[in-house]
């Protein structure tokens, strides 16, 4: 087993964010999208954080938690999964423990979902813990965020299993039991 200090050293010396080849590259990924380039918006989550974004281009953004004065610059990857629905992810460089935000934004209905993941899940310092949170998109000139409607959890996949082959060295089986 490894310690928190060892995990921190691995992250500090070995992190490559969206660089080089991936064991999944060329398979089961969409083309990166420049849909958000030039957009500035806030993602406001119920009983949770609000993050402001300034999208520089198709692979660089600036973000900050609402109320922060300075901006953080990050590389990101974003995809248009369906018309006006963008999925994007970025590391929160310098966060302790290391954090990654994966956002799903519906630009037509002003709804947002975030999977807020970080190293350490209460069992092991190298395992990832996460939580899903739901909220709205605030975008000047965009649709008015709904007062109560939100994305949410579904039971649509319960009782199903899928096997995904990403490459000759990466396969994953997803079993939806509850």
C-alpha atoms as a PDB file:
ATOM      1  CA  UNK A   1       0.000   0.000   0.000  1.00  0.00           C
ATOM      2  CA  UNK A   2       1.141   3.575  -0.521  1.00  0.00           C
ATOM      3  CA  UNK A   3       0.843   6.629   1.692  1.00  0.00           C
ATOM      4  CA  UNK A   4      -0.720  10.021   0.990  1.00  0.00           C
ATOM      5  CA  UNK A   5       2.801  11.499   0.720  1.00  0.00           C
ATOM      6  CA  UNK A   6       3.721   8.885  -1.903  1.00  0.00           C
ATOM      7  CA  UNK A   7       0.522   9.613  -3.856  1.00  0.00           C
ATOM      8  CA  UNK A   8       1.309  13.347  -3.736  1.00  0.00           C
ATOM      9  CA  UNK A   9       4.822  12.705  -5.085  1.00  0.00           C
ATOM     10  CA  UNK A  10       3.489  10.533  -7.930  1.00  0.00           C
ATOM     11  CA  UNK A  11       0.981  13.245  -8.890  1.00  0.00           C
ATOM     12  CA  UNK A  12       3.638  15.983  -8.668  1.00  0.00           C
ATOM     13  CA  UNK A  13       6.199  14.174 -10.841  1.00  0.00           C
ATOM     14  CA  UNK A  14       4.086  12.152 -13.269  1.00  0.00           C
ATOM     15  CA  UNK A  15       0.957  14.123 -14.159  1.00  0.00           C
ATOM     16  CA  UNK A  16       0.232  14.520 -17.858  1.00  0.00           C
ATOM     17  CA  UNK A  17      -3.081  16.203 -18.482  1.00  0.00           C
ATOM     18  CA  UNK A  18      -4.537  15.324 -21.889  1.00  0.00           C
ATOM     19  CA  UNK A  19      -1.047  14.802 -23.299  1.00  0.00           C
ATOM     20  CA  UNK A  20       0.385  11.903 -25.260  1.00  0.00           C
ATOM     21  CA  UNK A  21      -1.367   8.701 -26.125  1.00  0.00           C
ATOM     22  CA  UNK A  22      -4.070   7.052 -24.078  1.00  0.00           C
ATOM     23  CA  UNK A  23      -4.915   3.408 -23.752  1.00  0.00           C
ATOM     24  CA  UNK A  24      -8.305   4.460 -25.135  1.00  0.00           C
ATOM     25  CA  UNK A  25      -7.049   6.813 -27.865  1.00  0.00           C
ATOM     26  CA  UNK A  26      -8.662   6.365 -31.237  1.00  0.00           C
ATOM     27  CA  UNK A  27     -11.446   4.291 -29.762  1.00  0.00           C
ATOM     28  CA  UNK A  28     -14.789   5.216 -28.263  1.00  0.00           C
ATOM     29  CA  UNK A  29     -14.074   8.926 -28.178  1.00  0.00           C
ATOM     30  CA  UNK A  30     -15.727  11.779 -30.009  1.00  0.00           C
ATOM     31  CA  UNK A  31     -14.019  14.555 -31.890  1.00  0.00           C
ATOM     32  CA  UNK A  32     -13.067  17.423 -29.566  1.00  0.00           C
ATOM     33  CA  UNK A  33     -15.482  20.338 -29.891  1.00  0.00           C
ATOM     34  CA  UNK A  34     -14.857  24.076 -30.044  1.00  0.00           C
ATOM     35  CA  UNK A  35     -18.549  24.754 -29.221  1.00  0.00           C
ATOM     36  CA  UNK A  36     -17.693  26.655 -26.030  1.00  0.00           C
ATOM     37  CA  UNK A  37     -14.811  28.749 -27.419  1.00  0.00           C
ATOM     38  CA  UNK A  38     -15.298  32.375 -26.365  1.00  0.00           C
ATOM     39  CA  UNK A  39     -18.136  31.633 -23.948  1.00  0.00           C
ATOM     40  CA  UNK A  40     -18.168  32.901 -20.353  1.00  0.00           C
ATOM     41  CA  UNK A  41     -20.630  31.314 -17.953  1.00  0.00           C
ATOM     42  CA  UNK A  42     -21.315  30.166 -14.404  1.00  0.00           C
ATOM     43  CA  UNK A  43     -22.342  26.661 -13.372  1.00  0.00           C
ATOM     44  CA  UNK A  44     -24.333  26.969 -10.149  1.00  0.00           C
ATOM     45  CA  UNK A  45     -25.006  23.743  -8.252  1.00  0.00           C
ATOM     46  CA  UNK A  46     -27.767  23.175  -5.699  1.00  0.00           C
ATOM     47  CA  UNK A  47     -26.432  23.185  -2.149  1.00  0.00           C
ATOM     48  CA  UNK A  48     -22.944  23.256  -3.568  1.00  0.00           C
ATOM     49  CA  UNK A  49     -20.362  25.271  -5.390  1.00  0.00           C
ATOM     50  CA  UNK A  50     -20.633  27.711  -8.266  1.00  0.00           C
ATOM     51  CA  UNK A  51     -17.809  27.748 -10.809  1.00  0.00           C
ATOM     52  CA  UNK A  52     -17.194  30.516 -13.310  1.00  0.00           C
ATOM     53  CA  UNK A  53     -15.676  29.614 -16.684  1.00  0.00           C
ATOM     54  CA  UNK A  54     -13.991  31.570 -19.464  1.00  0.00           C
ATOM     55  CA  UNK A  55     -13.370  29.252 -22.420  1.00  0.00           C
ATOM     56  CA  UNK A  56     -10.269  30.386 -24.320  1.00  0.00           C
ATOM     57  CA  UNK A  57     -10.213  27.841 -27.168  1.00  0.00           C
ATOM     58  CA  UNK A  58     -10.975  24.165 -27.873  1.00  0.00           C
ATOM     59  CA  UNK A  59      -8.408  22.943 -25.318  1.00  0.00           C
ATOM     60  CA  UNK A  60      -7.783  25.772 -22.817  1.00  0.00           C
ATOM     61  CA  UNK A  61     -10.029  27.390 -20.242  1.00  0.00           C
ATOM     62  CA  UNK A  62      -9.927  29.578 -17.179  1.00  0.00           C
ATOM     63  CA  UNK A  63     -12.040  28.789 -14.113  1.00  0.00           C
ATOM     64  CA  UNK A  64     -12.571  29.957 -10.571  1.00  0.00           C
ATOM     65  CA  UNK A  65     -14.932  29.296  -7.725  1.00  0.00           C
ATOM     66  CA  UNK A  66     -17.446  32.083  -7.376  1.00  0.00           C
ATOM     67  CA  UNK A  67     -15.978  34.768  -5.125  1.00  0.00           C
ATOM     68  CA  UNK A  68     -12.343  33.998  -5.955  1.00  0.00           C
ATOM     69  CA  UNK A  69     -10.456  36.955  -7.406  1.00  0.00           C
ATOM     70  CA  UNK A  70      -7.877  35.029  -9.445  1.00  0.00           C
ATOM     71  CA  UNK A  71      -8.414  32.644 -12.329  1.00  0.00           C
ATOM     72  CA  UNK A  72      -6.910  29.159 -12.787  1.00  0.00           C
ATOM     73  CA  UNK A  73      -5.775  28.162 -16.296  1.00  0.00           C
ATOM     74  CA  UNK A  74      -6.220  24.542 -17.367  1.00  0.00           C
ATOM     75  CA  UNK A  75      -6.155  22.260 -20.362  1.00  0.00           C
ATOM     76  CA  UNK A  76      -9.496  20.559 -20.975  1.00  0.00           C
ATOM     77  CA  UNK A  77     -11.239  18.236 -23.383  1.00  0.00           C
ATOM     78  CA  UNK A  78     -14.803  18.875 -24.465  1.00  0.00           C
ATOM     79  CA  UNK A  79     -17.231  17.002 -26.682  1.00  0.00           C
ATOM     80  CA  UNK A  80     -20.637  17.818 -28.136  1.00  0.00           C
ATOM     81  CA  UNK A  81     -22.494  14.623 -27.231  1.00  0.00           C
ATOM     82  CA  UNK A  82     -25.743  15.846 -28.826  1.00  0.00           C
ATOM     83  CA  UNK A  83     -27.007  19.178 -30.134  1.00  0.00           C
ATOM     84  CA  UNK A  84     -26.159  21.849 -27.523  1.00  0.00           C
ATOM     85  CA  UNK A  85     -25.035  19.249 -24.962  1.00  0.00           C
ATOM     86  CA  UNK A  86     -21.375  19.565 -24.033  1.00  0.00           C
ATOM     87  CA  UNK A  87     -19.332  17.220 -21.867  1.00  0.00           C
ATOM     88  CA  UNK A  88     -15.978  18.528 -20.662  1.00  0.00           C
ATOM     89  CA  UNK A  89     -13.412  17.714 -18.046  1.00  0.00           C
ATOM     90  CA  UNK A  90     -10.441  19.413 -16.413  1.00  0.00           C
ATOM     91  CA  UNK A  91      -8.064  18.917 -13.537  1.00  0.00           C
ATOM     92  CA  UNK A  92      -8.015  21.522 -10.762  1.00  0.00           C
ATOM     93  CA  UNK A  93      -4.242  21.995 -10.726  1.00  0.00           C
ATOM     94  CA  UNK A  94      -2.856  22.589  -7.254  1.00  0.00           C
ATOM     95  CA  UNK A  95      -5.890  21.232  -5.446  1.00  0.00           C
ATOM     96  CA  UNK A  96      -5.144  19.053  -2.440  1.00  0.00           C
ATOM     97  CA  UNK A  97      -6.224  16.363  -2.809  1.00  0.00           C
ATOM     98  CA  UNK A  98      -6.035  16.442  -6.617  1.00  0.00           C
ATOM     99  CA  UNK A  99      -9.479  17.121  -8.050  1.00  0.00           C
ATOM    100  CA  UNK A 100     -11.056  16.647 -11.486  1.00  0.00           C
ATOM    101  CA  UNK A 101     -14.351  18.224 -12.544  1.00  0.00           C
ATOM    102  CA  UNK A 102     -16.385  16.610 -15.312  1.00  0.00           C
ATOM    103  CA  UNK A 103     -19.229  18.845 -16.434  1.00  0.00           C
ATOM    104  CA  UNK A 104     -22.272  18.022 -18.567  1.00  0.00           C
ATOM    105  CA  UNK A 105     -24.017  21.164 -19.782  1.00  0.00           C
ATOM    106  CA  UNK A 106     -27.283  21.434 -21.682  1.00  0.00           C
ATOM    107  CA  UNK A 107     -26.979  24.839 -23.357  1.00  0.00           C
ATOM    108  CA  UNK A 108     -30.591  24.659 -24.679  1.00  0.00           C
ATOM    109  CA  UNK A 109     -32.223  24.125 -21.286  1.00  0.00           C
ATOM    110  CA  UNK A 110     -29.626  25.772 -18.988  1.00  0.00           C
ATOM    111  CA  UNK A 111     -29.101  22.593 -16.944  1.00  0.00           C
ATOM    112  CA  UNK A 112     -25.798  21.227 -15.652  1.00  0.00           C
ATOM    113  CA  UNK A 113     -24.441  18.132 -13.944  1.00  0.00           C
ATOM    114  CA  UNK A 114     -20.995  17.766 -12.397  1.00  0.00           C
ATOM    115  CA  UNK A 115     -19.071  14.685 -11.339  1.00  0.00           C
ATOM    116  CA  UNK A 116     -16.704  16.139  -8.761  1.00  0.00           C
ATOM    117  CA  UNK A 117     -13.901  13.585  -8.300  1.00  0.00           C
ATOM    118  CA  UNK A 118     -10.777  13.657  -6.166  1.00  0.00           C
ATOM    119  CA  UNK A 119      -8.012  11.378  -5.007  1.00  0.00           C
ATOM    120  CA  UNK A 120      -8.790   9.662  -1.720  1.00  0.00           C
ATOM    121  CA  UNK A 121     -12.097   8.027  -0.967  1.00  0.00           C
ATOM    122  CA  UNK A 122     -11.730   7.290   2.734  1.00  0.00           C
ATOM    123  CA  UNK A 123     -10.266   3.823   2.106  1.00  0.00           C
ATOM    124  CA  UNK A 124      -7.091   4.391   0.095  1.00  0.00           C
ATOM    125  CA  UNK A 125      -5.251   7.633  -0.758  1.00  0.00           C
ATOM    126  CA  UNK A 126      -4.797   6.556  -4.400  1.00  0.00           C
ATOM    127  CA  UNK A 127      -8.432   5.568  -5.051  1.00  0.00           C
ATOM    128  CA  UNK A 128     -10.813   8.150  -6.480  1.00  0.00           C
ATOM    129  CA  UNK A 129     -13.905   9.298  -4.640  1.00  0.00           C
ATOM    130  CA  UNK A 130     -16.641  11.288  -6.362  1.00  0.00           C
ATOM    131  CA  UNK A 131     -20.055  12.852  -6.024  1.00  0.00           C
ATOM    132  CA  UNK A 132     -22.599  13.896  -8.631  1.00  0.00           C
ATOM    133  CA  UNK A 133     -24.233  17.291  -8.211  1.00  0.00           C
ATOM    134  CA  UNK A 134     -26.979  18.978 -10.221  1.00  0.00           C
ATOM    135  CA  UNK A 135     -27.628  22.614 -11.048  1.00  0.00           C
ATOM    136  CA  UNK A 136     -28.008  25.246 -13.735  1.00  0.00           C
ATOM    137  CA  UNK A 137     -26.089  27.146 -16.389  1.00  0.00           C
ATOM    138  CA  UNK A 138     -26.023  30.933 -16.144  1.00  0.00           C
ATOM    139  CA  UNK A 139     -25.026  32.413 -19.518  1.00  0.00           C
ATOM    140  CA  UNK A 140     -25.591  35.998 -20.648  1.00  0.00           C
ATOM    141  CA  UNK A 141     -27.908  35.864 -23.666  1.00  0.00           C
ATOM    142  CA  UNK A 142     -28.660  32.189 -22.990  1.00  0.00           C
ATOM    143  CA  UNK A 143     -31.879  30.570 -21.812  1.00  0.00           C
ATOM    144  CA  UNK A 144     -33.199  31.427 -18.355  1.00  0.00           C
ATOM    145  CA  UNK A 145     -32.242  28.682 -15.890  1.00  0.00           C
ATOM    146  CA  UNK A 146     -35.272  26.716 -14.676  1.00  0.00           C
ATOM    147  CA  UNK A 147     -36.336  27.272 -11.068  1.00  0.00           C
ATOM    148  CA  UNK A 148     -36.802  23.630 -10.066  1.00  0.00           C
ATOM    149  CA  UNK A 149     -36.095  21.325 -13.028  1.00  0.00           C
ATOM    150  CA  UNK A 150     -32.738  19.532 -12.787  1.00  0.00           C
ATOM    151  CA  UNK A 151     -30.890  16.636 -14.309  1.00  0.00           C
ATOM    152  CA  UNK A 152     -31.022  13.632 -11.996  1.00  0.00           C
ATOM    153  CA  UNK A 153     -30.246  10.007 -11.416  1.00  0.00           C
ATOM    154  CA  UNK A 154     -31.985   7.306 -13.433  1.00  0.00           C
ATOM    155  CA  UNK A 155     -32.732   3.603 -13.025  1.00  0.00           C
ATOM    156  CA  UNK A 156     -32.903   3.042 -16.787  1.00  0.00           C
ATOM    157  CA  UNK A 157     -29.788   0.827 -16.876  1.00  0.00           C
ATOM    158  CA  UNK A 158     -30.457  -1.218 -13.722  1.00  0.00           C
ATOM    159  CA  UNK A 159     -30.257  -4.924 -14.504  1.00  0.00           C
ATOM    160  CA  UNK A 160     -28.057  -4.439 -17.568  1.00  0.00           C
ATOM    161  CA  UNK A 161     -24.377  -5.101 -18.252  1.00  0.00           C
ATOM    162  CA  UNK A 162     -22.118  -3.831 -21.033  1.00  0.00           C
ATOM    163  CA  UNK A 163     -18.634  -4.825 -22.094  1.00  0.00           C
ATOM    164  CA  UNK A 164     -16.509  -2.112 -23.711  1.00  0.00           C
ATOM    165  CA  UNK A 165     -13.285  -2.856 -25.561  1.00  0.00           C
ATOM    166  CA  UNK A 166     -11.198   0.283 -25.909  1.00  0.00           C
ATOM    167  CA  UNK A 167      -7.974  -1.234 -27.247  1.00  0.00           C
ATOM    168  CA  UNK A 168      -6.007  -4.462 -27.161  1.00  0.00           C
ATOM    169  CA  UNK A 169      -4.886  -3.589 -23.612  1.00  0.00           C
ATOM    170  CA  UNK A 170      -8.051  -1.981 -22.190  1.00  0.00           C
ATOM    171  CA  UNK A 171     -11.448  -3.541 -21.641  1.00  0.00           C
ATOM    172  CA  UNK A 172     -14.123  -2.634 -19.125  1.00  0.00           C
ATOM    173  CA  UNK A 173     -17.325  -4.323 -18.023  1.00  0.00           C
ATOM    174  CA  UNK A 174     -20.060  -2.141 -16.563  1.00  0.00           C
ATOM    175  CA  UNK A 175     -22.685  -3.922 -14.454  1.00  0.00           C
ATOM    176  CA  UNK A 176     -25.637  -1.827 -13.296  1.00  0.00           C
ATOM    177  CA  UNK A 177     -26.990  -3.683 -10.255  1.00  0.00           C
ATOM    178  CA  UNK A 178     -28.752  -0.946  -8.285  1.00  0.00           C
END
